[in-house]
Amino acid sequence: MRRLMDVVASDRVDLAPMVTHRFTLDRIEEAYELFSHQRDGVLKVAITI
């Protein structure tokens, strides 16, 4: 795990493709529902302000 975190921290890997869905904070319940039921090909949800 430490080696993986080192790779991520050094920007040697682009994790952006893992964020498959983005929601604003006011839609957090919808985001949680989607992620908890693993629908629509969700891998990772990003919450923005």
C-alpha atoms as a PDB file:
ATOM      1  CA  MET A   1       0.000   0.000   0.000  1.00  0.00           C
ATOM      2  CA  ARG A   2       2.846   2.388   0.782  1.00  0.00           C
ATOM      3  CA  ARG A   3       4.337   1.902  -2.710  1.00  0.00           C
ATOM      4  CA  LEU A   4       0.954   2.556  -4.299  1.00  0.00           C
ATOM      5  CA  MET A   5       0.521   5.764  -2.303  1.00  0.00           C
ATOM      6  CA  ASP A   6       4.026   6.875  -3.339  1.00  0.00           C
ATOM      7  CA  VAL A   7       3.146   6.370  -7.004  1.00  0.00           C
ATOM      8  CA  VAL A   8      -0.092   8.327  -6.625  1.00  0.00           C
ATOM      9  CA  ALA A   9       1.592  11.115  -4.658  1.00  0.00           C
ATOM     10  CA  SER A  10       4.309  11.514  -7.293  1.00  0.00           C
ATOM     11  CA  ASP A  11       1.726  11.986 -10.089  1.00  0.00           C
ATOM     12  CA  ARG A  12       3.078   9.019 -12.032  1.00  0.00           C
ATOM     13  CA  VAL A  13      -0.426   7.709 -12.544  1.00  0.00           C
ATOM     14  CA  ASP A  14      -3.556   9.537 -13.657  1.00  0.00           C
ATOM     15  CA  LEU A  15      -6.469   8.537 -11.444  1.00  0.00           C
ATOM     16  CA  ALA A  16      -8.968  10.815 -13.204  1.00  0.00           C
ATOM     17  CA  PRO A  17     -10.447   7.974 -15.315  1.00  0.00           C
ATOM     18  CA  MET A  18     -11.484   6.245 -12.100  1.00  0.00           C
ATOM     19  CA  VAL A  19     -13.863   9.098 -11.252  1.00  0.00           C
ATOM     20  CA  THR A  20     -16.825   8.036 -13.331  1.00  0.00           C
ATOM     21  CA  HIS A  21     -19.449  10.346 -11.841  1.00  0.00           C
ATOM     22  CA  ARG A  22     -19.388  13.882 -10.449  1.00  0.00           C
ATOM     23  CA  PHE A  23     -22.051  15.414  -8.254  1.00  0.00           C
ATOM     24  CA  THR A  24     -22.454  18.742  -6.530  1.00  0.00           C
ATOM     25  CA  LEU A  25     -22.836  18.745  -2.774  1.00  0.00           C
ATOM     26  CA  ASP A  26     -26.579  19.348  -3.016  1.00  0.00           C
ATOM     27  CA  ARG A  27     -26.911  15.994  -4.860  1.00  0.00           C
ATOM     28  CA  ILE A  28     -24.898  13.954  -2.349  1.00  0.00           C
ATOM     29  CA  GLU A  29     -27.830  11.679  -1.516  1.00  0.00           C
ATOM     30  CA  GLU A  30     -28.189  10.750  -5.190  1.00  0.00           C
ATOM     31  CA  ALA A  31     -24.452  10.102  -5.402  1.00  0.00           C
ATOM     32  CA  TYR A  32     -24.506   7.896  -2.314  1.00  0.00           C
ATOM     33  CA  GLU A  33     -27.461   5.924  -3.668  1.00  0.00           C
ATOM     34  CA  LEU A  34     -25.736   5.372  -7.015  1.00  0.00           C
ATOM     35  CA  PHE A  35     -22.471   4.262  -5.434  1.00  0.00           C
ATOM     36  CA  SER A  36     -24.035   2.055  -2.788  1.00  0.00           C
ATOM     37  CA  HIS A  37     -25.989   0.127  -5.434  1.00  0.00           C
ATOM     38  CA  GLN A  38     -23.115   0.121  -7.975  1.00  0.00           C
ATOM     39  CA  ARG A  39     -25.338   1.257 -10.854  1.00  0.00           C
ATOM     40  CA  ASP A  40     -24.512   2.931 -14.154  1.00  0.00           C
ATOM     41  CA  GLY A  41     -20.926   1.653 -14.260  1.00  0.00           C
ATOM     42  CA  VAL A  42     -19.885   3.700 -11.229  1.00  0.00           C
ATOM     43  CA  LEU A  43     -16.308   3.253  -9.993  1.00  0.00           C
ATOM     44  CA  LYS A  44     -15.739   6.401  -7.989  1.00  0.00           C
ATOM     45  CA  VAL A  45     -17.938   9.402  -7.242  1.00  0.00           C
ATOM     46  CA  ALA A  46     -16.503  12.896  -6.816  1.00  0.00           C
ATOM     47  CA  ILE A  47     -18.424  15.472  -4.792  1.00  0.00           C
ATOM     48  CA  THR A  48     -17.824  19.116  -5.620  1.00  0.00           C
ATOM     49  CA  ILE A  49     -19.041  22.313  -4.010  1.00  0.00           C
END
